[in-house]
Amino acid sequence: MPEARRSKRVRTILGVKIVFNNRMSVMDCAVKNISSSGAKLVLPDTLRVPNEFELYIPKRRCFYYARLIRHESECIGVKFYHADAKMAPDPHLSEFET
């Protein structure tokens, strides 16, 4: 089956945070693979993940707007959206880096 993705995936294990509810709620998870257009996230409770959220990658100190596109038992697939999905660092990043 040919690859349907437009951008190449990079396998990785990065600790990330799903940020939602006007930045009042945070869930820890890991990125299994990532590309410029989306990612596969691994987390124990996929049922609580909202349809749209911000994905914060502490190691890169950046946020991405993300939309849930695939749901499995222990992982989800997300698509980054907006022309420039990567957002500028937030001046209050330390609140997410605990």
PDB file of N, CA and C in Angstrom:
ATOM      1  N   MET A   1       0.844  -1.183   0.000  1.00  0.00           N
ATOM      2  CA  MET A   1       0.000   0.000   0.000  1.00  0.00           C
ATOM      3  C   MET A   1       0.886   1.241   0.000  1.00  0.00           C
ATOM      4  N   PRO A   2       0.698   2.156  -0.917  1.00  0.00           N
ATOM      5  CA  PRO A   2       1.528   3.355  -0.981  1.00  0.00           C
ATOM      6  C   PRO A   2       1.287   4.279   0.207  1.00  0.00           C
ATOM      7  N   GLU A   3       2.306   5.001   0.566  1.00  0.00           N
ATOM      8  CA  GLU A   3       2.243   5.954   1.673  1.00  0.00           C
ATOM      9  C   GLU A   3       1.333   7.127   1.293  1.00  0.00           C
ATOM     10  N   ALA A   4       0.339   7.422   2.135  1.00  0.00           N
ATOM     11  CA  ALA A   4      -0.623   8.485   1.845  1.00  0.00           C
ATOM     12  C   ALA A   4      -0.208   9.837   2.420  1.00  0.00           C
ATOM     13  N   ARG A   5       0.763   9.852   3.296  1.00  0.00           N
ATOM     14  CA  ARG A   5       1.177  11.101   3.926  1.00  0.00           C
ATOM     15  C   ARG A   5       1.918  11.986   2.931  1.00  0.00           C
ATOM     16  N   ARG A   6       1.745  13.299   3.100  1.00  0.00           N
ATOM     17  CA  ARG A   6       2.411  14.260   2.220  1.00  0.00           C
ATOM     18  C   ARG A   6       3.816  14.578   2.706  1.00  0.00           C
ATOM     19  N   SER A   7       4.070  14.383   3.990  1.00  0.00           N
ATOM     20  CA  SER A   7       5.390  14.678   4.530  1.00  0.00           C
ATOM     21  C   SER A   7       5.943  13.455   5.249  1.00  0.00           C
ATOM     22  N   LYS A   8       7.245  13.328   5.241  1.00  0.00           N
ATOM     23  CA  LYS A   8       7.914  12.166   5.799  1.00  0.00           C
ATOM     24  C   LYS A   8       7.821  12.145   7.328  1.00  0.00           C
ATOM     25  N   ARG A   9       7.495  10.961   7.877  1.00  0.00           N
ATOM     26  CA  ARG A   9       7.434  10.783   9.321  1.00  0.00           C
ATOM     27  C   ARG A   9       8.833  10.527   9.879  1.00  0.00           C
ATOM     28  N   VAL A  10       9.067  10.992  11.074  1.00  0.00           N
ATOM     29  CA  VAL A  10      10.307  10.729  11.787  1.00  0.00           C
ATOM     30  C   VAL A  10       9.937  10.000  13.069  1.00  0.00           C
ATOM     31  N   ARG A  11      10.484   8.794  13.250  1.00  0.00           N
ATOM     32  CA  ARG A  11      10.226   8.044  14.486  1.00  0.00           C
ATOM     33  C   ARG A  11      11.005   8.681  15.623  1.00  0.00           C
ATOM     34  N   THR A  12      10.338   8.793  16.766  1.00  0.00           N
ATOM     35  CA  THR A  12      10.952   9.439  17.917  1.00  0.00           C
ATOM     36  C   THR A  12      10.191   9.040  19.174  1.00  0.00           C
ATOM     37  N   ILE A  13      10.755   9.319  20.292  1.00  0.00           N
ATOM     38  CA  ILE A  13      10.030   9.248  21.560  1.00  0.00           C
ATOM     39  C   ILE A  13      10.322  10.572  22.267  1.00  0.00           C
ATOM     40  N   LEU A  14       9.366  11.474  22.177  1.00  0.00           N
ATOM     41  CA  LEU A  14       9.470  12.772  22.838  1.00  0.00           C
ATOM     42  C   LEU A  14       8.347  12.901  23.851  1.00  0.00           C
ATOM     43  N   GLY A  15       8.663  13.380  25.033  1.00  0.00           N
ATOM     44  CA  GLY A  15       7.623  13.695  25.998  1.00  0.00           C
ATOM     45  C   GLY A  15       6.929  14.972  25.572  1.00  0.00           C
ATOM     46  N   VAL A  16       5.607  14.937  25.485  1.00  0.00           N
ATOM     47  CA  VAL A  16       4.843  16.110  25.073  1.00  0.00           C
ATOM     48  C   VAL A  16       3.639  16.293  25.982  1.00  0.00           C
ATOM     49  N   LYS A  17       2.974  17.411  25.821  1.00  0.00           N
ATOM     50  CA  LYS A  17       1.790  17.707  26.622  1.00  0.00           C
ATOM     51  C   LYS A  17       0.647  18.126  25.700  1.00  0.00           C
ATOM     52  N   ILE A  18      -0.520  17.565  25.954  1.00  0.00           N
ATOM     53  CA  ILE A  18      -1.747  17.977  25.285  1.00  0.00           C
ATOM     54  C   ILE A  18      -2.356  19.057  26.164  1.00  0.00           C
ATOM     55  N   VAL A  19      -2.539  20.248  25.607  1.00  0.00           N
ATOM     56  CA  VAL A  19      -3.013  21.401  26.368  1.00  0.00           C
ATOM     57  C   VAL A  19      -4.361  21.831  25.784  1.00  0.00           C
ATOM     58  N   PHE A  20      -5.380  21.949  26.642  1.00  0.00           N
ATOM     59  CA  PHE A  20      -6.718  22.300  26.170  1.00  0.00           C
ATOM     60  C   PHE A  20      -7.481  23.025  27.266  1.00  0.00           C
ATOM     61  N   ASN A  21      -8.741  23.327  27.006  1.00  0.00           N
ATOM     62  CA  ASN A  21      -9.596  24.004  27.976  1.00  0.00           C
ATOM     63  C   ASN A  21      -9.006  25.363  28.349  1.00  0.00           C
ATOM     64  N   ASN A  22      -8.690  26.169  27.313  1.00  0.00           N
ATOM     65  CA  ASN A  22      -8.085  27.493  27.523  1.00  0.00           C
ATOM     66  C   ASN A  22      -6.816  27.422  28.366  1.00  0.00           C
ATOM     67  N   ARG A  23      -6.029  26.385  28.118  1.00  0.00           N
ATOM     68  CA  ARG A  23      -4.756  26.130  28.814  1.00  0.00           C
ATOM     69  C   ARG A  23      -4.940  25.865  30.306  1.00  0.00           C
ATOM     70  N   MET A  24      -6.121  25.408  30.678  1.00  0.00           N
ATOM     71  CA  MET A  24      -6.382  25.053  32.076  1.00  0.00           C
ATOM     72  C   MET A  24      -6.183  23.561  32.321  1.00  0.00           C
ATOM     73  N   SER A  25      -6.147  22.745  31.253  1.00  0.00           N
ATOM     74  CA  SER A  25      -6.001  21.292  31.386  1.00  0.00           C
ATOM     75  C   SER A  25      -4.812  20.817  30.566  1.00  0.00           C
ATOM     76  N   VAL A  26      -4.054  19.883  31.162  1.00  0.00           N
ATOM     77  CA  VAL A  26      -2.854  19.359  30.517  1.00  0.00           C
ATOM     78  C   VAL A  26      -2.808  17.847  30.710  1.00  0.00           C
ATOM     79  N   MET A  27      -2.459  17.120  29.641  1.00  0.00           N
ATOM     80  CA  MET A  27      -2.272  15.672  29.702  1.00  0.00           C
ATOM     81  C   MET A  27      -0.877  15.348  29.181  1.00  0.00           C
ATOM     82  N   ASP A  28      -0.136  14.514  29.908  1.00  0.00           N
ATOM     83  CA  ASP A  28       1.178  14.074  29.453  1.00  0.00           C
ATOM     84  C   ASP A  28       1.032  12.898  28.500  1.00  0.00           C
ATOM     85  N   CYS A  29       1.885  12.860  27.475  1.00  0.00           N
ATOM     86  CA  CYS A  29       1.905  11.740  26.545  1.00  0.00           C
ATOM     87  C   CYS A  29       3.254  11.726  25.848  1.00  0.00           C
ATOM     88  N   ALA A  30       3.411  10.857  24.868  1.00  0.00           N
ATOM     89  CA  ALA A  30       4.656  10.759  24.114  1.00  0.00           C
ATOM     90  C   ALA A  30       4.344  10.753  22.629  1.00  0.00           C
ATOM     91  N   VAL A  31       5.269  11.291  21.843  1.00  0.00           N
ATOM     92  CA  VAL A  31       5.162  11.253  20.389  1.00  0.00           C
ATOM     93  C   VAL A  31       5.892  10.006  19.903  1.00  0.00           C
ATOM     94  N   LYS A  32       5.202   9.181  19.140  1.00  0.00           N
ATOM     95  CA  LYS A  32       5.830   7.981  18.564  1.00  0.00           C
ATOM     96  C   LYS A  32       6.476   8.305  17.222  1.00  0.00           C
ATOM     97  N   ASN A  33       5.794   9.127  16.416  1.00  0.00           N
ATOM     98  CA  ASN A  33       6.392   9.637  15.186  1.00  0.00           C
ATOM     99  C   ASN A  33       5.757  10.990  14.880  1.00  0.00           C
ATOM    100  N   ILE A  34       6.503  11.787  14.117  1.00  0.00           N
ATOM    101  CA  ILE A  34       6.057  13.146  13.839  1.00  0.00           C
ATOM    102  C   ILE A  34       6.513  13.551  12.444  1.00  0.00           C
ATOM    103  N   SER A  35       5.728  14.414  11.817  1.00  0.00           N
ATOM    104  CA  SER A  35       6.081  15.012  10.531  1.00  0.00           C
ATOM    105  C   SER A  35       5.695  16.483  10.607  1.00  0.00           C
ATOM    106  N   SER A  36       5.892  17.182   9.524  1.00  0.00           N
ATOM    107  CA  SER A  36       5.511  18.600   9.518  1.00  0.00           C
ATOM    108  C   SER A  36       4.000  18.786   9.498  1.00  0.00           C
ATOM    109  N   SER A  37       3.253  17.716   9.191  1.00  0.00           N
ATOM    110  CA  SER A  37       1.798  17.848   9.103  1.00  0.00           C
ATOM    111  C   SER A  37       1.026  17.120  10.191  1.00  0.00           C
ATOM    112  N   GLY A  38       1.689  16.321  11.035  1.00  0.00           N
ATOM    113  CA  GLY A  38       0.963  15.613  12.078  1.00  0.00           C
ATOM    114  C   GLY A  38       1.857  14.721  12.909  1.00  0.00           C
ATOM    115  N   ALA A  39       1.212  13.939  13.797  1.00  0.00           N
ATOM    116  CA  ALA A  39       1.974  13.088  14.707  1.00  0.00           C
ATOM    117  C   ALA A  39       1.120  11.925  15.194  1.00  0.00           C
ATOM    118  N   LYS A  40       1.796  10.902  15.705  1.00  0.00           N
ATOM    119  CA  LYS A  40       1.138   9.790  16.383  1.00  0.00           C
ATOM    120  C   LYS A  40       1.541   9.882  17.845  1.00  0.00           C
ATOM    121  N   LEU A  41       0.542  10.000  18.725  1.00  0.00           N
ATOM    122  CA  LEU A  41       0.768  10.177  20.155  1.00  0.00           C
ATOM    123  C   LEU A  41       0.358   8.926  20.911  1.00  0.00           C
ATOM    124  N   VAL A  42       1.136   8.579  21.930  1.00  0.00           N
ATOM    125  CA  VAL A  42       0.850   7.424  22.773  1.00  0.00           C
ATOM    126  C   VAL A  42       0.500   7.937  24.164  1.00  0.00           C
ATOM    127  N   LEU A  43      -0.642   7.466  24.688  1.00  0.00           N
ATOM    128  CA  LEU A  43      -1.056   7.853  26.034  1.00  0.00           C
ATOM    129  C   LEU A  43      -2.008   6.810  26.592  1.00  0.00           C
ATOM    130  N   PRO A  44      -2.073   6.691  27.921  1.00  0.00           N
ATOM    131  CA  PRO A  44      -2.894   5.636  28.527  1.00  0.00           C
ATOM    132  C   PRO A  44      -4.399   5.839  28.396  1.00  0.00           C
ATOM    133  N   ASP A  45      -4.863   7.082  28.361  1.00  0.00           N
ATOM    134  CA  ASP A  45      -6.299   7.339  28.319  1.00  0.00           C
ATOM    135  C   ASP A  45      -6.640   8.192  27.108  1.00  0.00           C
ATOM    136  N   THR A  46      -6.905   7.548  25.983  1.00  0.00           N
ATOM    137  CA  THR A  46      -7.198   8.288  24.752  1.00  0.00           C
ATOM    138  C   THR A  46      -8.616   8.827  24.706  1.00  0.00           C
ATOM    139  N   LEU A  47      -9.487   8.348  25.575  1.00  0.00           N
ATOM    140  CA  LEU A  47     -10.887   8.775  25.543  1.00  0.00           C
ATOM    141  C   LEU A  47     -11.096  10.209  26.008  1.00  0.00           C
ATOM    142  N   ARG A  48     -10.184  10.727  26.823  1.00  0.00           N
ATOM    143  CA  ARG A  48     -10.337  12.083  27.355  1.00  0.00           C
ATOM    144  C   ARG A  48      -9.770  13.161  26.439  1.00  0.00           C
ATOM    145  N   VAL A  49      -9.149  12.785  25.346  1.00  0.00           N
ATOM    146  CA  VAL A  49      -8.515  13.759  24.455  1.00  0.00           C
ATOM    147  C   VAL A  49      -9.583  14.511  23.661  1.00  0.00           C
ATOM    148  N   PRO A  50      -9.560  15.851  23.706  1.00  0.00           N
ATOM    149  CA  PRO A  50     -10.538  16.621  22.931  1.00  0.00           C
ATOM    150  C   PRO A  50     -10.235  16.547  21.439  1.00  0.00           C
ATOM    151  N   ASN A  51     -11.184  16.949  20.618  1.00  0.00           N
ATOM    152  CA  ASN A  51     -11.007  16.912  19.163  1.00  0.00           C
ATOM    153  C   ASN A  51      -9.965  17.910  18.668  1.00  0.00           C
ATOM    154  N   GLU A  52      -9.814  19.042  19.343  1.00  0.00           N
ATOM    155  CA  GLU A  52      -8.813  20.033  18.986  1.00  0.00           C
ATOM    156  C   GLU A  52      -8.089  20.475  20.246  1.00  0.00           C
ATOM    157  N   PHE A  53      -6.784  20.686  20.120  1.00  0.00           N
ATOM    158  CA  PHE A  53      -5.971  21.055  21.280  1.00  0.00           C
ATOM    159  C   PHE A  53      -4.646  21.630  20.804  1.00  0.00           C
ATOM    160  N   GLU A  54      -3.848  22.078  21.755  1.00  0.00           N
ATOM    161  CA  GLU A  54      -2.482  22.504  21.479  1.00  0.00           C
ATOM    162  C   GLU A  54      -1.562  21.378  21.920  1.00  0.00           C
ATOM    163  N   LEU A  55      -0.553  21.100  21.133  1.00  0.00           N
ATOM    164  CA  LEU A  55       0.446  20.099  21.480  1.00  0.00           C
ATOM    165  C   LEU A  55       1.723  20.841  21.821  1.00  0.00           C
ATOM    166  N   TYR A  56       2.189  20.690  23.055  1.00  0.00           N
ATOM    167  CA  TYR A  56       3.404  21.376  23.489  1.00  0.00           C
ATOM    168  C   TYR A  56       4.554  20.385  23.546  1.00  0.00           C
ATOM    169  N   ILE A  57       5.647  20.713  22.878  1.00  0.00           N
ATOM    170  CA  ILE A  57       6.852  19.878  22.882  1.00  0.00           C
ATOM    171  C   ILE A  57       7.922  20.630  23.667  1.00  0.00           C
ATOM    172  N   PRO A  58       8.107  20.275  24.960  1.00  0.00           N
ATOM    173  CA  PRO A  58       9.063  21.011  25.795  1.00  0.00           C
ATOM    174  C   PRO A  58      10.492  21.028  25.239  1.00  0.00           C
ATOM    175  N   LYS A  59      10.952  19.907  24.684  1.00  0.00           N
ATOM    176  CA  LYS A  59      12.321  19.848  24.173  1.00  0.00           C
ATOM    177  C   LYS A  59      12.554  20.862  23.056  1.00  0.00           C
ATOM    178  N   ARG A  60      11.523  21.129  22.269  1.00  0.00           N
ATOM    179  CA  ARG A  60      11.614  22.107  21.174  1.00  0.00           C
ATOM    180  C   ARG A  60      11.072  23.472  21.578  1.00  0.00           C
ATOM    181  N   ARG A  61      10.456  23.545  22.752  1.00  0.00           N
ATOM    182  CA  ARG A  61       9.860  24.773  23.272  1.00  0.00           C
ATOM    183  C   ARG A  61       8.890  25.405  22.273  1.00  0.00           C
ATOM    184  N   CYS A  62       7.970  24.568  21.741  1.00  0.00           N
ATOM    185  CA  CYS A  62       7.001  25.087  20.775  1.00  0.00           C
ATOM    186  C   CYS A  62       5.650  24.404  20.933  1.00  0.00           C
ATOM    187  N   PHE A  63       4.637  25.085  20.471  1.00  0.00           N
ATOM    188  CA  PHE A  63       3.267  24.591  20.455  1.00  0.00           C
ATOM    189  C   PHE A  63       2.848  24.350  19.005  1.00  0.00           C
ATOM    190  N   TYR A  64       1.952  23.385  18.818  1.00  0.00           N
ATOM    191  CA  TYR A  64       1.312  23.154  17.534  1.00  0.00           C
ATOM    192  C   TYR A  64      -0.187  23.093  17.767  1.00  0.00           C
ATOM    193  N   TYR A  65      -0.971  23.681  16.880  1.00  0.00           N
ATOM    194  CA  TYR A  65      -2.418  23.463  16.894  1.00  0.00           C
ATOM    195  C   TYR A  65      -2.637  22.073  16.307  1.00  0.00           C
ATOM    196  N   ALA A  66      -3.425  21.242  16.961  1.00  0.00           N
ATOM    197  CA  ALA A  66      -3.629  19.870  16.489  1.00  0.00           C
ATOM    198  C   ALA A  66      -5.103  19.502  16.493  1.00  0.00           C
ATOM    199  N   ARG A  67      -5.446  18.605  15.577  1.00  0.00           N
ATOM    200  CA  ARG A  67      -6.812  18.091  15.470  1.00  0.00           C
ATOM    201  C   ARG A  67      -6.743  16.568  15.464  1.00  0.00           C
ATOM    202  N   LEU A  68      -7.587  15.933  16.273  1.00  0.00           N
ATOM    203  CA  LEU A  68      -7.658  14.475  16.349  1.00  0.00           C
ATOM    204  C   LEU A  68      -8.226  13.926  15.048  1.00  0.00           C
ATOM    205  N   ILE A  69      -7.496  13.004  14.411  1.00  0.00           N
ATOM    206  CA  ILE A  69      -7.997  12.425  13.163  1.00  0.00           C
ATOM    207  C   ILE A  69      -8.125  10.906  13.227  1.00  0.00           C
ATOM    208  N   ARG A  70      -7.432  10.269  14.161  1.00  0.00           N
ATOM    209  CA  ARG A  70      -7.502   8.813  14.290  1.00  0.00           C
ATOM    210  C   ARG A  70      -7.425   8.451  15.766  1.00  0.00           C
ATOM    211  N   HIS A  71      -8.203   7.482  16.167  1.00  0.00           N
ATOM    212  CA  HIS A  71      -8.288   7.093  17.574  1.00  0.00           C
ATOM    213  C   HIS A  71      -8.128   5.582  17.687  1.00  0.00           C
ATOM    214  N   GLU A  72      -7.137   5.132  18.440  1.00  0.00           N
ATOM    215  CA  GLU A  72      -6.918   3.716  18.710  1.00  0.00           C
ATOM    216  C   GLU A  72      -6.898   3.537  20.221  1.00  0.00           C
ATOM    217  N   SER A  73      -6.703   2.314  20.691  1.00  0.00           N
ATOM    218  CA  SER A  73      -6.803   2.057  22.130  1.00  0.00           C
ATOM    219  C   SER A  73      -5.755   2.803  22.960  1.00  0.00           C
ATOM    220  N   GLU A  74      -4.501   2.822  22.540  1.00  0.00           N
ATOM    221  CA  GLU A  74      -3.461   3.479  23.321  1.00  0.00           C
ATOM    222  C   GLU A  74      -2.728   4.578  22.555  1.00  0.00           C
ATOM    223  N   CYS A  75      -3.227   4.924  21.379  1.00  0.00           N
ATOM    224  CA  CYS A  75      -2.587   6.004  20.633  1.00  0.00           C
ATOM    225  C   CYS A  75      -3.614   6.739  19.782  1.00  0.00           C
ATOM    226  N   ILE A  76      -3.232   7.947  19.410  1.00  0.00           N
ATOM    227  CA  ILE A  76      -4.091   8.766  18.547  1.00  0.00           C
ATOM    228  C   ILE A  76      -3.240   9.349  17.425  1.00  0.00           C
ATOM    229  N   GLY A  77      -3.877   9.632  16.316  1.00  0.00           N
ATOM    230  CA  GLY A  77      -3.237  10.344  15.223  1.00  0.00           C
ATOM    231  C   GLY A  77      -3.778  11.756  15.192  1.00  0.00           C
ATOM    232  N   VAL A  78      -2.888  12.726  15.047  1.00  0.00           N
ATOM    233  CA  VAL A  78      -3.306  14.117  14.996  1.00  0.00           C
ATOM    234  C   VAL A  78      -2.741  14.788  13.755  1.00  0.00           C
ATOM    235  N   LYS A  79      -3.471  15.769  13.281  1.00  0.00           N
ATOM    236  CA  LYS A  79      -3.028  16.581  12.153  1.00  0.00           C
ATOM    237  C   LYS A  79      -2.800  17.985  12.669  1.00  0.00           C
ATOM    238  N   PHE A  80      -1.681  18.564  12.278  1.00  0.00           N
ATOM    239  CA  PHE A  80      -1.427  19.954  12.609  1.00  0.00           C
ATOM    240  C   PHE A  80      -2.175  20.802  11.598  1.00  0.00           C
ATOM    241  N   TYR A  81      -2.830  21.857  12.049  1.00  0.00           N
ATOM    242  CA  TYR A  81      -3.580  22.689  11.128  1.00  0.00           C
ATOM    243  C   TYR A  81      -3.208  24.155  11.259  1.00  0.00           C
ATOM    244  N   HIS A  82      -3.655  24.927  10.321  1.00  0.00           N
ATOM    245  CA  HIS A  82      -3.284  26.321  10.044  1.00  0.00           C
ATOM    246  C   HIS A  82      -2.094  26.277   9.101  1.00  0.00           C
ATOM    247  N   ALA A  83      -1.941  27.303   8.326  1.00  0.00           N
ATOM    248  CA  ALA A  83      -0.826  27.347   7.382  1.00  0.00           C
ATOM    249  C   ALA A  83       0.499  27.246   8.117  1.00  0.00           C
ATOM    250  N   ASP A  84       0.599  27.918   9.249  1.00  0.00           N
ATOM    251  CA  ASP A  84       1.806  27.837  10.069  1.00  0.00           C
ATOM    252  C   ASP A  84       1.394  27.217  11.392  1.00  0.00           C
ATOM    253  N   ALA A  85       1.425  25.901  11.469  1.00  0.00           N
ATOM    254  CA  ALA A  85       0.931  25.203  12.649  1.00  0.00           C
ATOM    255  C   ALA A  85       1.785  25.472  13.876  1.00  0.00           C
ATOM    256  N   LYS A  86       3.043  25.713  13.677  1.00  0.00           N
ATOM    257  CA  LYS A  86       3.936  25.934  14.802  1.00  0.00           C
ATOM    258  C   LYS A  86       3.753  27.357  15.321  1.00  0.00           C
ATOM    259  N   MET A  87       3.473  27.476  16.610  1.00  0.00           N
ATOM    260  CA  MET A  87       3.245  28.787  17.205  1.00  0.00           C
ATOM    261  C   MET A  87       4.499  29.264  17.925  1.00  0.00           C
ATOM    262  N   ALA A  88       4.598  30.539  18.114  1.00  0.00           N
ATOM    263  CA  ALA A  88       5.726  31.114  18.844  1.00  0.00           C
ATOM    264  C   ALA A  88       5.708  30.657  20.296  1.00  0.00           C
ATOM    265  N   PRO A  89       6.879  30.552  20.912  1.00  0.00           N
ATOM    266  CA  PRO A  89       6.935  30.168  22.319  1.00  0.00           C
ATOM    267  C   PRO A  89       6.118  31.117  23.194  1.00  0.00           C
ATOM    268  N   ASP A  90       5.460  30.557  24.153  1.00  0.00           N
ATOM    269  CA  ASP A  90       4.657  31.319  25.098  1.00  0.00           C
ATOM    270  C   ASP A  90       5.575  31.833  26.205  1.00  0.00           C
ATOM    271  N   PRO A  91       5.432  33.073  26.648  1.00  0.00           N
ATOM    272  CA  PRO A  91       6.294  33.588  27.711  1.00  0.00           C
ATOM    273  C   PRO A  91       6.086  32.871  29.044  1.00  0.00           C
ATOM    274  N   HIS A  92       4.996  32.119  29.193  1.00  0.00           N
ATOM    275  CA  HIS A  92       4.710  31.420  30.429  1.00  0.00           C
ATOM    276  C   HIS A  92       4.931  29.910  30.288  1.00  0.00           C
ATOM    277  N   LEU A  93       5.885  29.489  29.464  1.00  0.00           N
ATOM    278  CA  LEU A  93       6.112  28.075  29.206  1.00  0.00           C
ATOM    279  C   LEU A  93       6.419  27.282  30.459  1.00  0.00           C
ATOM    280  N   SER A  94       7.026  27.895  31.440  1.00  0.00           N
ATOM    281  CA  SER A  94       7.427  27.159  32.634  1.00  0.00           C
ATOM    282  C   SER A  94       6.241  26.490  33.325  1.00  0.00           C
ATOM    283  N   GLU A  95       5.037  27.002  33.153  1.00  0.00           N
ATOM    284  CA  GLU A  95       3.886  26.386  33.787  1.00  0.00           C
ATOM    285  C   GLU A  95       3.601  24.997  33.220  1.00  0.00           C
ATOM    286  N   PHE A  96       4.089  24.681  32.011  1.00  0.00           N
ATOM    287  CA  PHE A  96       3.879  23.382  31.398  1.00  0.00           C
ATOM    288  C   PHE A  96       5.089  22.454  31.548  1.00  0.00           C
ATOM    289  N   GLU A  97       6.173  22.934  32.098  1.00  0.00           N
ATOM    290  CA  GLU A  97       7.414  22.164  32.137  1.00  0.00           C
ATOM    291  C   GLU A  97       7.675  21.514  33.487  1.00  0.00           C
ATOM    292  N   THR A  98       6.653  21.084  34.170  1.00  0.00           N
ATOM    293  CA  THR A  98       6.852  20.420  35.453  1.00  0.00           C
ATOM    294  C   THR A  98       6.894  18.930  35.288  1.00  0.00           C
TER     295      THR A  98
END
